[in-house]
Amino acid sequence: MDEGLAAIGAGIAVGLTGIAAGLAEKDVGAAAIGAMTENENLFGKGMILMVLPETIVIFGLVVAILIIMG
């Protein structure tokens, strides 16, 4: 029973962080593309801003691993 609940908790941790990162990346991506149409030199900053929401998923994965291992 406990292993099943841990698996559900780990899945929720990764799933919700994935959804949150997708929603955040949608807005950041639109703003980055809008900025790059005005100034092409902002490509590097736009790429860095696109990667930042993905760190949320990494944190969710770490929490899921801690749930499963604990």
PDB file of N, CA and C in Angstrom:
ATOM      1  N   MET A   1       0.833  -1.201   0.000  1.00  0.00           N
ATOM      2  CA  MET A   1       0.000   0.000   0.000  1.00  0.00           C
ATOM      3  C   MET A   1       0.871   1.256   0.000  1.00  0.00           C
ATOM      4  N   ASP A   2       1.914   1.261   0.830  1.00  0.00           N
ATOM      5  CA  ASP A   2       2.756   2.449   0.927  1.00  0.00           C
ATOM      6  C   ASP A   2       3.535   2.698  -0.355  1.00  0.00           C
ATOM      7  N   GLU A   3       3.961   1.622  -1.023  1.00  0.00           N
ATOM      8  CA  GLU A   3       4.709   1.792  -2.270  1.00  0.00           C
ATOM      9  C   GLU A   3       3.829   2.390  -3.352  1.00  0.00           C
ATOM     10  N   GLY A   4       2.571   1.996  -3.376  1.00  0.00           N
ATOM     11  CA  GLY A   4       1.636   2.548  -4.356  1.00  0.00           C
ATOM     12  C   GLY A   4       1.390   4.031  -4.125  1.00  0.00           C
ATOM     13  N   LEU A   5       1.232   4.412  -2.871  1.00  0.00           N
ATOM     14  CA  LEU A   5       1.022   5.823  -2.562  1.00  0.00           C
ATOM     15  C   LEU A   5       2.263   6.649  -2.859  1.00  0.00           C
ATOM     16  N   ALA A   6       3.433   6.069  -2.632  1.00  0.00           N
ATOM     17  CA  ALA A   6       4.676   6.772  -2.960  1.00  0.00           C
ATOM     18  C   ALA A   6       4.789   6.969  -4.466  1.00  0.00           C
ATOM     19  N   ALA A   7       4.399   5.958  -5.242  1.00  0.00           N
ATOM     20  CA  ALA A   7       4.447   6.079  -6.701  1.00  0.00           C
ATOM     21  C   ALA A   7       3.467   7.139  -7.195  1.00  0.00           C
ATOM     22  N   ILE A   8       2.299   7.182  -6.599  1.00  0.00           N
ATOM     23  CA  ILE A   8       1.319   8.209  -6.973  1.00  0.00           C
ATOM     24  C   ILE A   8       1.845   9.594  -6.621  1.00  0.00           C
ATOM     25  N   GLY A   9       2.432   9.739  -5.448  1.00  0.00           N
ATOM     26  CA  GLY A   9       3.002  11.022  -5.044  1.00  0.00           C
ATOM     27  C   GLY A   9       4.132  11.469  -5.945  1.00  0.00           C
ATOM     28  N   ALA A  10       4.982  10.514  -6.335  1.00  0.00           N
ATOM     29  CA  ALA A  10       6.086  10.850  -7.237  1.00  0.00           C
ATOM     30  C   ALA A  10       5.556  11.255  -8.601  1.00  0.00           C
ATOM     31  N   GLY A  11       4.545  10.561  -9.086  1.00  0.00           N
ATOM     32  CA  GLY A  11       3.945  10.922 -10.374  1.00  0.00           C
ATOM     33  C   GLY A  11       3.295  12.282 -10.351  1.00  0.00           C
ATOM     34  N   ILE A  12       2.636  12.598  -9.260  1.00  0.00           N
ATOM     35  CA  ILE A  12       2.014  13.919  -9.131  1.00  0.00           C
ATOM     36  C   ILE A  12       3.077  15.005  -9.070  1.00  0.00           C
ATOM     37  N   ALA A  13       4.179  14.734  -8.373  1.00  0.00           N
ATOM     38  CA  ALA A  13       5.256  15.724  -8.265  1.00  0.00           C
ATOM     39  C   ALA A  13       5.833  16.054  -9.631  1.00  0.00           C
ATOM     40  N   VAL A  14       6.091  15.031 -10.438  1.00  0.00           N
ATOM     41  CA  VAL A  14       6.662  15.279 -11.768  1.00  0.00           C
ATOM     42  C   VAL A  14       5.610  15.859 -12.704  1.00  0.00           C
ATOM     43  N   GLY A  15       4.397  15.350 -12.626  1.00  0.00           N
ATOM     44  CA  GLY A  15       3.342  15.808 -13.531  1.00  0.00           C
ATOM     45  C   GLY A  15       2.968  17.264 -13.332  1.00  0.00           C
ATOM     46  N   LEU A  16       2.782  17.653 -12.090  1.00  0.00           N
ATOM     47  CA  LEU A  16       2.382  19.044 -11.837  1.00  0.00           C
ATOM     48  C   LEU A  16       3.501  20.029 -12.152  1.00  0.00           C
ATOM     49  N   THR A  17       4.733  19.636 -11.884  1.00  0.00           N
ATOM     50  CA  THR A  17       5.826  20.534 -12.233  1.00  0.00           C
ATOM     51  C   THR A  17       5.999  20.629 -13.741  1.00  0.00           C
ATOM     52  N   GLY A  18       5.711  19.543 -14.450  1.00  0.00           N
ATOM     53  CA  GLY A  18       5.761  19.587 -15.914  1.00  0.00           C
ATOM     54  C   GLY A  18       4.701  20.508 -16.490  1.00  0.00           C
ATOM     55  N   ILE A  19       3.502  20.451 -15.936  1.00  0.00           N
ATOM     56  CA  ILE A  19       2.435  21.338 -16.393  1.00  0.00           C
ATOM     57  C   ILE A  19       2.779  22.792 -16.077  1.00  0.00           C
ATOM     58  N   ALA A  20       3.285  23.043 -14.881  1.00  0.00           N
ATOM     59  CA  ALA A  20       3.645  24.410 -14.495  1.00  0.00           C
ATOM     60  C   ALA A  20       4.761  24.953 -15.383  1.00  0.00           C
ATOM     61  N   ALA A  21       5.746  24.125 -15.699  1.00  0.00           N
ATOM     62  CA  ALA A  21       6.836  24.567 -16.563  1.00  0.00           C
ATOM     63  C   ALA A  21       6.324  24.853 -17.966  1.00  0.00           C
ATOM     64  N   GLY A  22       5.412  24.038 -18.456  1.00  0.00           N
ATOM     65  CA  GLY A  22       4.838  24.283 -19.777  1.00  0.00           C
ATOM     66  C   GLY A  22       4.073  25.585 -19.844  1.00  0.00           C
ATOM     67  N   LEU A  23       3.304  25.874 -18.815  1.00  0.00           N
ATOM     68  CA  LEU A  23       2.559  27.132 -18.788  1.00  0.00           C
ATOM     69  C   LEU A  23       3.492  28.339 -18.693  1.00  0.00           C
ATOM     70  N   ALA A  24       4.540  28.200 -17.894  1.00  0.00           N
ATOM     71  CA  ALA A  24       5.490  29.305 -17.764  1.00  0.00           C
ATOM     72  C   ALA A  24       6.279  29.501 -19.045  1.00  0.00           C
ATOM     73  N   GLU A  25       6.648  28.404 -19.685  1.00  0.00           N
ATOM     74  CA  GLU A  25       7.452  28.493 -20.900  1.00  0.00           C
ATOM     75  C   GLU A  25       6.644  29.084 -22.055  1.00  0.00           C
ATOM     76  N   LYS A  26       5.346  28.867 -22.030  1.00  0.00           N
ATOM     77  CA  LYS A  26       4.476  29.451 -23.059  1.00  0.00           C
ATOM     78  C   LYS A  26       4.553  30.968 -23.026  1.00  0.00           C
ATOM     79  N   ASP A  27       4.446  31.538 -21.866  1.00  0.00           N
ATOM     80  CA  ASP A  27       4.478  32.992 -21.742  1.00  0.00           C
ATOM     81  C   ASP A  27       5.873  33.558 -21.992  1.00  0.00           C
ATOM     82  N   VAL A  28       6.883  32.884 -21.466  1.00  0.00           N
ATOM     83  CA  VAL A  28       8.260  33.351 -21.645  1.00  0.00           C
ATOM     84  C   VAL A  28       8.655  33.259 -23.114  1.00  0.00           C
ATOM     85  N   GLY A  29       8.254  32.167 -23.771  1.00  0.00           N
ATOM     86  CA  GLY A  29       8.581  31.999 -25.178  1.00  0.00           C
ATOM     87  C   GLY A  29       7.962  33.061 -26.055  1.00  0.00           C
ATOM     88  N   ALA A  30       6.718  33.388 -25.788  1.00  0.00           N
ATOM     89  CA  ALA A  30       6.057  34.432 -26.575  1.00  0.00           C
ATOM     90  C   ALA A  30       6.742  35.782 -26.379  1.00  0.00           C
ATOM     91  N   ALA A  31       7.117  36.088 -25.154  1.00  0.00           N
ATOM     92  CA  ALA A  31       7.797  37.357 -24.894  1.00  0.00           C
ATOM     93  C   ALA A  31       9.188  37.374 -25.516  1.00  0.00           C
ATOM     94  N   ALA A  32       9.887  36.246 -25.477  1.00  0.00           N
ATOM     95  CA  ALA A  32      11.235  36.187 -26.045  1.00  0.00           C
ATOM     96  C   ALA A  32      11.193  36.344 -27.563  1.00  0.00           C
ATOM     97  N   ILE A  33      10.241  35.705 -28.208  1.00  0.00           N
ATOM     98  CA  ILE A  33      10.115  35.849 -29.660  1.00  0.00           C
ATOM     99  C   ILE A  33       9.738  37.268 -30.024  1.00  0.00           C
ATOM    100  N   GLY A  34       8.873  37.883 -29.241  1.00  0.00           N
ATOM    101  CA  GLY A  34       8.515  39.279 -29.492  1.00  0.00           C
ATOM    102  C   GLY A  34       9.701  40.208 -29.344  1.00  0.00           C
ATOM    103  N   ALA A  35      10.530  39.941 -28.357  1.00  0.00           N
ATOM    104  CA  ALA A  35      11.712  40.784 -28.163  1.00  0.00           C
ATOM    105  C   ALA A  35      12.734  40.572 -29.272  1.00  0.00           C
ATOM    106  N   MET A  36      12.867  39.325 -29.740  1.00  0.00           N
ATOM    107  CA  MET A  36      13.842  39.042 -30.790  1.00  0.00           C
ATOM    108  C   MET A  36      13.425  39.614 -32.144  1.00  0.00           C
ATOM    109  N   THR A  37      12.126  39.806 -32.355  1.00  0.00           N
ATOM    110  CA  THR A  37      11.715  40.430 -33.613  1.00  0.00           C
ATOM    111  C   THR A  37      12.121  41.892 -33.650  1.00  0.00           C
ATOM    112  N   GLU A  38      12.209  42.510 -32.490  1.00  0.00           N
ATOM    113  CA  GLU A  38      12.619  43.910 -32.432  1.00  0.00           C
ATOM    114  C   GLU A  38      14.135  44.063 -32.445  1.00  0.00           C
ATOM    115  N   ASN A  39      14.837  43.152 -31.759  1.00  0.00           N
ATOM    116  CA  ASN A  39      16.293  43.250 -31.650  1.00  0.00           C
ATOM    117  C   ASN A  39      16.871  41.835 -31.684  1.00  0.00           C
ATOM    118  N   GLU A  40      17.584  41.500 -32.759  1.00  0.00           N
ATOM    119  CA  GLU A  40      18.123  40.145 -32.914  1.00  0.00           C
ATOM    120  C   GLU A  40      19.235  39.830 -31.925  1.00  0.00           C
ATOM    121  N   ASN A  41      19.812  40.823 -31.301  1.00  0.00           N
ATOM    122  CA  ASN A  41      20.886  40.601 -30.330  1.00  0.00           C
ATOM    123  C   ASN A  41      20.377  40.002 -29.015  1.00  0.00           C
ATOM    124  N   LEU A  42      19.079  39.921 -28.837  1.00  0.00           N
ATOM    125  CA  LEU A  42      18.504  39.382 -27.605  1.00  0.00           C
ATOM    126  C   LEU A  42      18.298  37.871 -27.662  1.00  0.00           C
ATOM    127  N   PHE A  43      18.847  37.220 -28.696  1.00  0.00           N
ATOM    128  CA  PHE A  43      18.648  35.778 -28.847  1.00  0.00           C
ATOM    129  C   PHE A  43      19.212  35.004 -27.658  1.00  0.00           C
ATOM    130  N   GLY A  44      20.421  35.336 -27.219  1.00  0.00           N
ATOM    131  CA  GLY A  44      21.042  34.626 -26.100  1.00  0.00           C
ATOM    132  C   GLY A  44      20.258  34.778 -24.809  1.00  0.00           C
ATOM    133  N   LYS A  45      19.791  35.981 -24.552  1.00  0.00           N
ATOM    134  CA  LYS A  45      18.993  36.199 -23.337  1.00  0.00           C
ATOM    135  C   LYS A  45      17.659  35.463 -23.422  1.00  0.00           C
ATOM    136  N   GLY A  46      17.095  35.429 -24.632  1.00  0.00           N
ATOM    137  CA  GLY A  46      15.837  34.705 -24.808  1.00  0.00           C
ATOM    138  C   GLY A  46      16.006  33.213 -24.578  1.00  0.00           C
ATOM    139  N   MET A  47      17.135  32.662 -25.029  1.00  0.00           N
ATOM    140  CA  MET A  47      17.386  31.233 -24.819  1.00  0.00           C
ATOM    141  C   MET A  47      17.579  30.914 -23.342  1.00  0.00           C
ATOM    142  N   ILE A  48      18.271  31.795 -22.627  1.00  0.00           N
ATOM    143  CA  ILE A  48      18.463  31.578 -21.190  1.00  0.00           C
ATOM    144  C   ILE A  48      17.125  31.646 -20.464  1.00  0.00           C
ATOM    145  N   LEU A  49      16.278  32.583 -20.852  1.00  0.00           N
ATOM    146  CA  LEU A  49      14.973  32.693 -20.212  1.00  0.00           C
ATOM    147  C   LEU A  49      14.072  31.514 -20.547  1.00  0.00           C
ATOM    148  N   MET A  50      14.284  30.886 -21.701  1.00  0.00           N
ATOM    149  CA  MET A  50      13.492  29.708 -22.052  1.00  0.00           C
ATOM    150  C   MET A  50      13.905  28.481 -21.236  1.00  0.00           C
ATOM    151  N   VAL A  51      15.147  28.446 -20.785  1.00  0.00           N
ATOM    152  CA  VAL A  51      15.630  27.289 -20.032  1.00  0.00           C
ATOM    153  C   VAL A  51      15.217  27.377 -18.559  1.00  0.00           C
ATOM    154  N   LEU A  52      15.041  28.562 -18.045  1.00  0.00           N
ATOM    155  CA  LEU A  52      14.751  28.716 -16.606  1.00  0.00           C
ATOM    156  C   LEU A  52      13.504  27.965 -16.132  1.00  0.00           C
ATOM    157  N   PRO A  53      12.386  27.978 -16.860  1.00  0.00           N
ATOM    158  CA  PRO A  53      11.228  27.206 -16.355  1.00  0.00           C
ATOM    159  C   PRO A  53      11.474  25.702 -16.297  1.00  0.00           C
ATOM    160  N   GLU A  54      12.415  25.200 -17.073  1.00  0.00           N
ATOM    161  CA  GLU A  54      12.691  23.767 -17.049  1.00  0.00           C
ATOM    162  C   GLU A  54      13.328  23.328 -15.740  1.00  0.00           C
ATOM    163  N   THR A  55      13.917  24.263 -15.000  1.00  0.00           N
ATOM    164  CA  THR A  55      14.489  23.884 -13.711  1.00  0.00           C
ATOM    165  C   THR A  55      13.400  23.459 -12.722  1.00  0.00           C
ATOM    166  N   ILE A  56      12.186  23.930 -12.937  1.00  0.00           N
ATOM    167  CA  ILE A  56      11.078  23.511 -12.077  1.00  0.00           C
ATOM    168  C   ILE A  56      10.870  22.009 -12.197  1.00  0.00           C
ATOM    169  N   VAL A  57      10.970  21.494 -13.419  1.00  0.00           N
ATOM    170  CA  VAL A  57      10.780  20.062 -13.632  1.00  0.00           C
ATOM    171  C   VAL A  57      11.908  19.267 -12.981  1.00  0.00           C
ATOM    172  N   ILE A  58      13.112  19.799 -13.019  1.00  0.00           N
ATOM    173  CA  ILE A  58      14.230  19.111 -12.372  1.00  0.00           C
ATOM    174  C   ILE A  58      13.990  19.018 -10.868  1.00  0.00           C
ATOM    175  N   PHE A  59      13.481  20.083 -10.271  1.00  0.00           N
ATOM    176  CA  PHE A  59      13.163  20.040  -8.841  1.00  0.00           C
ATOM    177  C   PHE A  59      12.073  19.017  -8.560  1.00  0.00           C
ATOM    178  N   GLY A  60      11.075  18.946  -9.419  1.00  0.00           N
ATOM    179  CA  GLY A  60      10.026  17.941  -9.261  1.00  0.00           C
ATOM    180  C   GLY A  60      10.566  16.533  -9.377  1.00  0.00           C
ATOM    181  N   LEU A  61      11.511  16.324 -10.289  1.00  0.00           N
ATOM    182  CA  LEU A  61      12.122  15.009 -10.437  1.00  0.00           C
ATOM    183  C   LEU A  61      12.936  14.632  -9.205  1.00  0.00           C
ATOM    184  N   VAL A  62      13.643  15.609  -8.636  1.00  0.00           N
ATOM    185  CA  VAL A  62      14.407  15.343  -7.408  1.00  0.00           C
ATOM    186  C   VAL A  62      13.463  14.974  -6.271  1.00  0.00           C
ATOM    187  N   VAL A  63      12.352  15.673  -6.158  1.00  0.00           N
ATOM    188  CA  VAL A  63      11.374  15.346  -5.112  1.00  0.00           C
ATOM    189  C   VAL A  63      10.797  13.960  -5.336  1.00  0.00           C
ATOM    190  N   ALA A  64      10.523  13.613  -6.587  1.00  0.00           N
ATOM    191  CA  ALA A  64       9.995  12.273  -6.879  1.00  0.00           C
ATOM    192  C   ALA A  64      11.005  11.192  -6.522  1.00  0.00           C
ATOM    193  N   ILE A  65      12.270  11.428  -6.815  1.00  0.00           N
ATOM    194  CA  ILE A  65      13.298  10.440  -6.466  1.00  0.00           C
ATOM    195  C   ILE A  65      13.392  10.302  -4.940  1.00  0.00           C
ATOM    196  N   LEU A  66      13.327  11.438  -4.236  1.00  0.00           N
ATOM    197  CA  LEU A  66      13.374  11.360  -2.767  1.00  0.00           C
ATOM    198  C   LEU A  66      12.170  10.628  -2.201  1.00  0.00           C
ATOM    199  N   ILE A  67      11.008  10.793  -2.818  1.00  0.00           N
ATOM    200  CA  ILE A  67       9.812  10.094  -2.351  1.00  0.00           C
ATOM    201  C   ILE A  67       9.959   8.596  -2.559  1.00  0.00           C
ATOM    202  N   ILE A  68      10.445   8.210  -3.735  1.00  0.00           N
ATOM    203  CA  ILE A  68      10.563   6.783  -4.035  1.00  0.00           C
ATOM    204  C   ILE A  68      11.648   6.125  -3.175  1.00  0.00           C
ATOM    205  N   MET A  69      12.775   6.824  -2.988  1.00  0.00           N
ATOM    206  CA  MET A  69      13.867   6.238  -2.212  1.00  0.00           C
ATOM    207  C   MET A  69      13.571   6.209  -0.716  1.00  0.00           C
ATOM    208  N   GLY A  70      12.723   7.122  -0.257  1.00  0.00           N
ATOM    209  CA  GLY A  70      12.465   7.205   1.178  1.00  0.00           C
ATOM    210  C   GLY A  70      11.341   6.335   1.540  1.00  0.00           C
TER     211      GLY A  70
END
